[in-house]
């Protein structure tokens, strides 16, 4: 049996809905959650791209150094 990674999230969402607190509309909350996920994905993409660019620059520099040493 696979563990559903979303189960704790859904359980907490249901528990939050039962609380008697003033909150925003459910649709707004879901859009904020969706936006948060998209921002997180975008940041991961940019960090990955920056890391890849840094590696490529280091590789190019090392190739230039090795050419100059020949």
C-alpha atoms as a PDB file:
ATOM      1  CA  UNK A   1       0.000   0.000   0.000  1.00  0.00           C
ATOM      2  CA  UNK A   2       1.352   3.391  -0.973  1.00  0.00           C
ATOM      3  CA  UNK A   3       1.307   6.230   1.513  1.00  0.00           C
ATOM      4  CA  UNK A   4      -0.726   9.152   0.243  1.00  0.00           C
ATOM      5  CA  UNK A   5       1.457  12.223   0.779  1.00  0.00           C
ATOM      6  CA  UNK A   6      -1.562  14.508   0.476  1.00  0.00           C
ATOM      7  CA  UNK A   7      -3.599  12.845   3.186  1.00  0.00           C
ATOM      8  CA  UNK A   8      -2.177  14.971   6.051  1.00  0.00           C
ATOM      9  CA  UNK A   9      -2.806  18.121   4.013  1.00  0.00           C
ATOM     10  CA  UNK A  10      -6.418  17.202   3.306  1.00  0.00           C
ATOM     11  CA  UNK A  11      -6.968  16.145   6.909  1.00  0.00           C
ATOM     12  CA  UNK A  12      -5.670  19.496   8.150  1.00  0.00           C
ATOM     13  CA  UNK A  13      -7.767  21.399   5.628  1.00  0.00           C
ATOM     14  CA  UNK A  14     -10.880  19.632   6.867  1.00  0.00           C
ATOM     15  CA  UNK A  15      -9.905  20.318  10.465  1.00  0.00           C
ATOM     16  CA  UNK A  16      -9.375  24.003   9.652  1.00  0.00           C
ATOM     17  CA  UNK A  17     -12.783  24.253   8.050  1.00  0.00           C
ATOM     18  CA  UNK A  18     -14.368  23.015  11.281  1.00  0.00           C
ATOM     19  CA  UNK A  19     -12.762  25.729  13.399  1.00  0.00           C
ATOM     20  CA  UNK A  20     -14.942  28.665  14.255  1.00  0.00           C
ATOM     21  CA  UNK A  21     -12.503  31.328  13.152  1.00  0.00           C
ATOM     22  CA  UNK A  22     -13.073  34.170  10.787  1.00  0.00           C
ATOM     23  CA  UNK A  23     -11.333  33.274   7.577  1.00  0.00           C
ATOM     24  CA  UNK A  24     -11.254  34.246   3.978  1.00  0.00           C
ATOM     25  CA  UNK A  25     -13.467  32.610   1.450  1.00  0.00           C
ATOM     26  CA  UNK A  26     -12.468  29.005   0.701  1.00  0.00           C
ATOM     27  CA  UNK A  27     -11.775  29.858  -2.959  1.00  0.00           C
ATOM     28  CA  UNK A  28      -9.391  32.622  -1.946  1.00  0.00           C
ATOM     29  CA  UNK A  29      -7.544  30.303   0.412  1.00  0.00           C
ATOM     30  CA  UNK A  30      -7.133  27.689  -2.319  1.00  0.00           C
ATOM     31  CA  UNK A  31      -5.878  30.290  -4.781  1.00  0.00           C
ATOM     32  CA  UNK A  32      -3.329  31.489  -2.229  1.00  0.00           C
ATOM     33  CA  UNK A  33      -2.187  27.908  -1.708  1.00  0.00           C
ATOM     34  CA  UNK A  34      -1.944  27.416  -5.474  1.00  0.00           C
ATOM     35  CA  UNK A  35       0.015  30.635  -5.851  1.00  0.00           C
ATOM     36  CA  UNK A  36       2.354  29.576  -3.079  1.00  0.00           C
ATOM     37  CA  UNK A  37       3.013  26.279  -4.884  1.00  0.00           C
ATOM     38  CA  UNK A  38       3.670  28.082  -8.171  1.00  0.00           C
ATOM     39  CA  UNK A  39       6.075  30.516  -6.508  1.00  0.00           C
ATOM     40  CA  UNK A  40       7.899  27.618  -4.886  1.00  0.00           C
ATOM     41  CA  UNK A  41       8.173  25.834  -8.240  1.00  0.00           C
ATOM     42  CA  UNK A  42       9.440  28.994  -9.924  1.00  0.00           C
ATOM     43  CA  UNK A  43      12.085  29.588  -7.246  1.00  0.00           C
ATOM     44  CA  UNK A  44      13.286  25.989  -7.537  1.00  0.00           C
ATOM     45  CA  UNK A  45      13.516  26.369 -11.315  1.00  0.00           C
ATOM     46  CA  UNK A  46      15.528  29.589 -11.059  1.00  0.00           C
ATOM     47  CA  UNK A  47      17.874  28.129  -8.449  1.00  0.00           C
ATOM     48  CA  UNK A  48      18.422  25.062 -10.602  1.00  0.00           C
ATOM     49  CA  UNK A  49      19.088  27.232 -13.662  1.00  0.00           C
ATOM     50  CA  UNK A  50      21.542  29.422 -11.748  1.00  0.00           C
ATOM     51  CA  UNK A  51      23.361  26.368 -10.446  1.00  0.00           C
ATOM     52  CA  UNK A  52      23.547  24.914 -13.981  1.00  0.00           C
ATOM     53  CA  UNK A  53      24.875  28.219 -15.346  1.00  0.00           C
ATOM     54  CA  UNK A  54      27.479  28.356 -12.598  1.00  0.00           C
ATOM     55  CA  UNK A  55      28.638  24.826 -13.390  1.00  0.00           C
ATOM     56  CA  UNK A  56      28.850  25.607 -17.107  1.00  0.00           C
ATOM     57  CA  UNK A  57      30.879  28.764 -16.442  1.00  0.00           C
ATOM     58  CA  UNK A  58      33.271  26.836 -14.215  1.00  0.00           C
ATOM     59  CA  UNK A  59      33.633  24.185 -16.900  1.00  0.00           C
ATOM     60  CA  UNK A  60      34.345  26.795 -19.583  1.00  0.00           C
ATOM     61  CA  UNK A  61      36.952  28.451 -17.372  1.00  0.00           C
ATOM     62  CA  UNK A  62      38.670  25.157 -16.696  1.00  0.00           C
ATOM     63  CA  UNK A  63      38.723  24.389 -20.442  1.00  0.00           C
ATOM     64  CA  UNK A  64      40.251  27.802 -21.158  1.00  0.00           C
ATOM     65  CA  UNK A  65      42.894  27.236 -18.507  1.00  0.00           C
ATOM     66  CA  UNK A  66      43.748  23.823 -19.903  1.00  0.00           C
ATOM     67  CA  UNK A  67      44.032  25.300 -23.447  1.00  0.00           C
ATOM     68  CA  UNK A  68      46.397  27.996 -22.180  1.00  0.00           C
ATOM     69  CA  UNK A  69      48.561  25.424 -20.421  1.00  0.00           C
ATOM     70  CA  UNK A  70      49.133  23.436 -23.611  1.00  0.00           C
END
